[in-house]
Amino acid sequence: MDDRIAKAAGRQVWTPSDFTDLGGRDAVDKALQRRLAQGVLRRIDRGLYDKPKLN
């Protein structure tokens, strides 16, 4: 998951289903929550995430 996020070009938006090949839905949701808490991802809306732009 971290590799995909780091290599993302531009303002890519992800949904949990983009990562279900890496694990079950519960595991993906927990991993997304961890990245939100770390500031790696930002929640745009329910089920939509992007990488925050750093100024």
N, C-alpha and C. Protein backbone atom coordinates (compact mmCIF):
# COMPACT_ATOMS: atom_id res chain seq x y z
N MET A 1 0.82 -1.18 0.00
CA MET A 1 0.00 0.00 0.00
C MET A 1 0.87 1.25 0.00
N ASP A 2 1.89 1.26 0.84
CA ASP A 2 2.76 2.44 0.91
C ASP A 2 3.46 2.71 -0.41
N ASP A 3 3.89 1.65 -1.10
CA ASP A 3 4.54 1.82 -2.40
C ASP A 3 3.60 2.44 -3.42
N ARG A 4 2.37 1.99 -3.45
CA ARG A 4 1.39 2.55 -4.39
C ARG A 4 1.13 4.02 -4.11
N ILE A 5 1.02 4.35 -2.85
CA ILE A 5 0.75 5.74 -2.48
C ILE A 5 1.95 6.61 -2.83
N ALA A 6 3.15 6.14 -2.52
CA ALA A 6 4.35 6.93 -2.79
C ALA A 6 4.58 7.14 -4.28
N LYS A 7 4.26 6.14 -5.10
CA LYS A 7 4.50 6.23 -6.53
C LYS A 7 3.36 6.91 -7.30
N ALA A 8 2.32 7.30 -6.61
CA ALA A 8 1.16 7.89 -7.28
C ALA A 8 1.53 9.22 -7.92
N ALA A 9 1.05 9.40 -9.13
CA ALA A 9 1.30 10.64 -9.86
C ALA A 9 0.12 11.59 -9.70
N GLY A 10 0.44 12.85 -9.49
CA GLY A 10 -0.61 13.86 -9.42
C GLY A 10 -1.56 13.67 -8.26
N ARG A 11 -2.79 14.02 -8.48
CA ARG A 11 -3.81 13.98 -7.44
C ARG A 11 -4.67 12.73 -7.57
N GLN A 12 -4.08 11.58 -7.40
CA GLN A 12 -4.80 10.32 -7.52
C GLN A 12 -5.73 10.13 -6.33
N VAL A 13 -6.89 9.56 -6.58
CA VAL A 13 -7.87 9.27 -5.54
C VAL A 13 -8.01 7.75 -5.44
N TRP A 14 -8.03 7.24 -4.20
CA TRP A 14 -8.16 5.81 -3.96
C TRP A 14 -9.45 5.50 -3.20
N THR A 15 -9.92 4.29 -3.40
CA THR A 15 -11.00 3.74 -2.61
C THR A 15 -10.46 2.47 -1.95
N PRO A 16 -11.10 1.99 -0.89
CA PRO A 16 -10.62 0.76 -0.27
C PRO A 16 -10.52 -0.41 -1.25
N SER A 17 -11.39 -0.46 -2.23
CA SER A 17 -11.35 -1.58 -3.18
C SER A 17 -10.09 -1.58 -4.03
N ASP A 18 -9.38 -0.45 -4.10
CA ASP A 18 -8.12 -0.40 -4.83
C ASP A 18 -7.02 -1.22 -4.16
N PHE A 19 -7.21 -1.55 -2.88
CA PHE A 19 -6.19 -2.25 -2.12
C PHE A 19 -6.62 -3.64 -1.66
N THR A 20 -7.79 -4.11 -2.07
CA THR A 20 -8.27 -5.41 -1.57
C THR A 20 -7.45 -6.60 -2.06
N ASP A 21 -6.63 -6.39 -3.08
CA ASP A 21 -5.73 -7.48 -3.50
C ASP A 21 -4.61 -7.69 -2.48
N LEU A 22 -4.43 -6.75 -1.56
CA LEU A 22 -3.38 -6.84 -0.54
C LEU A 22 -3.86 -7.51 0.74
N GLY A 23 -5.17 -7.62 0.92
CA GLY A 23 -5.72 -8.22 2.13
C GLY A 23 -7.22 -8.08 2.16
N GLY A 24 -7.82 -8.57 3.23
CA GLY A 24 -9.26 -8.48 3.39
C GLY A 24 -9.71 -7.04 3.61
N ARG A 25 -11.00 -6.84 3.48
CA ARG A 25 -11.55 -5.48 3.59
C ARG A 25 -11.28 -4.87 4.97
N ASP A 26 -11.41 -5.65 6.04
CA ASP A 26 -11.15 -5.13 7.38
C ASP A 26 -9.70 -4.69 7.53
N ALA A 27 -8.78 -5.48 7.01
CA ALA A 27 -7.36 -5.14 7.08
C ALA A 27 -7.06 -3.88 6.27
N VAL A 28 -7.67 -3.76 5.11
CA VAL A 28 -7.47 -2.57 4.27
C VAL A 28 -8.01 -1.33 4.97
N ASP A 29 -9.21 -1.44 5.55
CA ASP A 29 -9.79 -0.30 6.27
C ASP A 29 -8.90 0.14 7.43
N LYS A 30 -8.36 -0.82 8.17
CA LYS A 30 -7.48 -0.50 9.30
C LYS A 30 -6.19 0.16 8.80
N ALA A 31 -5.63 -0.35 7.72
CA ALA A 31 -4.41 0.23 7.16
C ALA A 31 -4.66 1.66 6.68
N LEU A 32 -5.81 1.90 6.06
CA LEU A 32 -6.15 3.26 5.63
C LEU A 32 -6.30 4.19 6.83
N GLN A 33 -6.91 3.71 7.90
CA GLN A 33 -7.06 4.52 9.11
C GLN A 33 -5.69 4.88 9.69
N ARG A 34 -4.76 3.95 9.66
CA ARG A 34 -3.40 4.23 10.16
C ARG A 34 -2.73 5.32 9.32
N ARG A 35 -2.89 5.23 8.01
CA ARG A 35 -2.29 6.24 7.13
C ARG A 35 -2.95 7.60 7.30
N LEU A 36 -4.23 7.62 7.61
CA LEU A 36 -4.91 8.89 7.92
C LEU A 36 -4.31 9.51 9.18
N ALA A 37 -4.13 8.70 10.21
CA ALA A 37 -3.58 9.18 11.47
C ALA A 37 -2.14 9.69 11.31
N GLN A 38 -1.38 9.07 10.41
CA GLN A 38 0.01 9.48 10.16
C GLN A 38 0.10 10.69 9.25
N GLY A 39 -0.99 11.07 8.62
CA GLY A 39 -0.97 12.19 7.69
C GLY A 39 -0.52 11.82 6.29
N VAL A 40 -0.38 10.52 6.03
CA VAL A 40 0.04 10.05 4.71
C VAL A 40 -1.11 10.20 3.71
N LEU A 41 -2.33 9.97 4.19
CA LEU A 41 -3.52 10.10 3.36
C LEU A 41 -4.49 11.10 3.99
N ARG A 42 -5.39 11.58 3.17
CA ARG A 42 -6.45 12.49 3.62
C ARG A 42 -7.77 11.91 3.13
N ARG A 43 -8.78 11.98 3.98
CA ARG A 43 -10.11 11.52 3.57
C ARG A 43 -10.83 12.67 2.88
N ILE A 44 -11.19 12.45 1.64
CA ILE A 44 -11.92 13.46 0.87
C ILE A 44 -13.40 13.38 1.22
N ASP A 45 -13.91 12.17 1.22
CA ASP A 45 -15.31 11.87 1.51
C ASP A 45 -15.35 10.42 1.96
N ARG A 46 -16.50 9.95 2.29
CA ARG A 46 -16.61 8.57 2.75
C ARG A 46 -16.11 7.61 1.66
N GLY A 47 -15.05 6.87 1.98
CA GLY A 47 -14.50 5.90 1.05
C GLY A 47 -13.60 6.46 -0.03
N LEU A 48 -13.26 7.75 0.05
CA LEU A 48 -12.38 8.37 -0.94
C LEU A 48 -11.18 8.99 -0.23
N TYR A 49 -9.99 8.66 -0.70
CA TYR A 49 -8.75 9.11 -0.07
C TYR A 49 -7.80 9.66 -1.12
N ASP A 50 -6.99 10.64 -0.72
CA ASP A 50 -5.92 11.11 -1.58
C ASP A 50 -4.72 11.45 -0.73
N LYS A 51 -3.63 11.76 -1.40
CA LYS A 51 -2.40 12.14 -0.72
C LYS A 51 -2.45 13.65 -0.53
N PRO A 52 -2.33 14.13 0.73
CA PRO A 52 -2.42 15.57 0.93
C PRO A 52 -1.25 16.31 0.29
N LYS A 53 -1.53 17.47 -0.23
CA LYS A 53 -0.49 18.31 -0.83
C LYS A 53 0.21 19.08 0.28
N LEU A 54 1.51 18.96 0.34
CA LEU A 54 2.29 19.66 1.36
C LEU A 54 2.78 20.98 0.83
N ASN A 55 2.60 22.01 1.61
CA ASN A 55 3.09 23.35 1.22
C ASN A 55 4.43 23.62 1.85
